[in-house]
Each structure stands twice: as structure tokens, then as C-alpha cells.
Amino acid sequence: MEDQIQQIPVSSLAKEDQATFFRKTYAHIALAVMVFIIIESIFLNTPFIVNFALSMASGWTWLLLLGGFMLVTNVSQNMARNAVDKNKQYLAMLLFIIAEAFIFVPLIYISIYYSAGAGNIIYQAALMTISLFTGLSAVALLTKKDFSFLKTILTVGFFIAIGLVVAGALFGFNLGLWFSVGMIVLASGSILYQTSNIVHEYREDQYVAAALGLFASLMLLFWYILSILNRD
């Protein structure tokens, strides 16, 4: 009987139970953001980590870093979604946050030490990201529309993006402003898709996995908004 209850998607729960699930999910997203900020601060104040991250920020080493990050992302999301033990789910989230913080080191470092008004740039990027994330989440939750149709579009879009990143790293050309704009569009679509998923695909006990998926999309959005602001 317990297994049958756990298989029920959030969309089939009573409104009170749905509200509880949403509160837990977004509370965990907020927690993930706070942990990310703490770990990022530690990384940026550790010269060895900064130097190592910067040394891998271009060419084929950047491809290795991206490949490792994608592997960690896949392992973390699968663990968070499939593990019954809550401790393993939290371990998966922590593993992903650490990987995310490390891959952000070069971008944040450049924003702080090479961009004029660095603090304002990071603050502006964070504010824009949160505002857009909140708006997109509200659209998906309030309309209760099923955005599963975006899966194919997002899959194709991300494969194209990966191909362009690989080509740019191997042949040394800058992907430019419009690539970042395109990635913001993809990240926005991913937020709609992931938010729709937490209603239609996730179970009541999978709020950690739901938070992890949305956090990943949130950080992708933040990356490219900050990248665009760094160009000014």
C-alpha cells in the first residue's frame, strides 16, 4: 500500500499535499543556493583551487572539465531521483553543488577581478536570474500546463549547444553574444519543463530530486546572464 501511495504523482495529490511538496522543493532550492554561495566563497579564497580552475578554463582542458561536470550532473540527478534513503538524496545534491561551484570559479573570478563594478554585475545577474526564474516558475505552476512537449526541443537545443562549445574550444573561436542569448532561452525553457515535471512526473517523496533539477536550470540561467553582463 505504501509503495502504491509513493507512486502517485504530485498532480494527483490533495491541494494541501501539493502545497507542502512545493514548499519543500523551493525551500531546498533556496538551501542549495546558500550552500553554493558558501562553497563558492571557500573556493575563491583558496588559491590552489582558483589556479587549478583557471588553468582548465580554455581549450581541451575545458572540454574535460565540462565532460566531468556533465557526468557528475547525470550521476547526482539519478541518485537523487532513485535513492530511497534521504541521506543519499542529500549527498547527491551536495555533490552537484560542489561541482557547480567549482565550474563557476573562473567566471566568478573574472567577474570580481577583471570587470569594472564587479559586485554590481554579480548582484544584477543574481537579481535578473531570480526574477526570471520566479516568473517562469509561476507561469508553470499557476497555469498547470504540461510543458513536456519542450523535452525534444530542449534535447536538440542542448546537443547543438554542446557541439558549438566543443567546436569553440577546439578551434579557439568565441561563441559570442547570441550564443549566450540562445542559452538563456534554453535555460528558460528548461525551467518551464522542470517546473512542469515536478507537478506531473515527480512523487510526493521526491522533493530533493525536484529541487536539484530546478537548481541546475537556475544556475545555467545565472551563468549566461552573468556572461552577458561581463561583456559590457
Foldseek 3Di string as FASTA:
>chain_A
DVVVQQQDALLPDDPVLVVVLVVLLVVLLVVLVVVLVVLLVVQLPPVVLLVVLVVQVFAVSVVVLVVVLVVLLVVLLCQLQPPPDVVSNVVSSVSNSNSLSSNCSVLLVCLPPPFPPSVVLLVVLLVVLVVLLVVLLCVCVVVLDALQVCPVVLVVLVVVLSVVVNCCRHVVDDPDLVSLVSQLVSLSSQSSNLSNCSRPPHGSPSSSSSSSSNSVSSSSNSSSSSVNSRVD
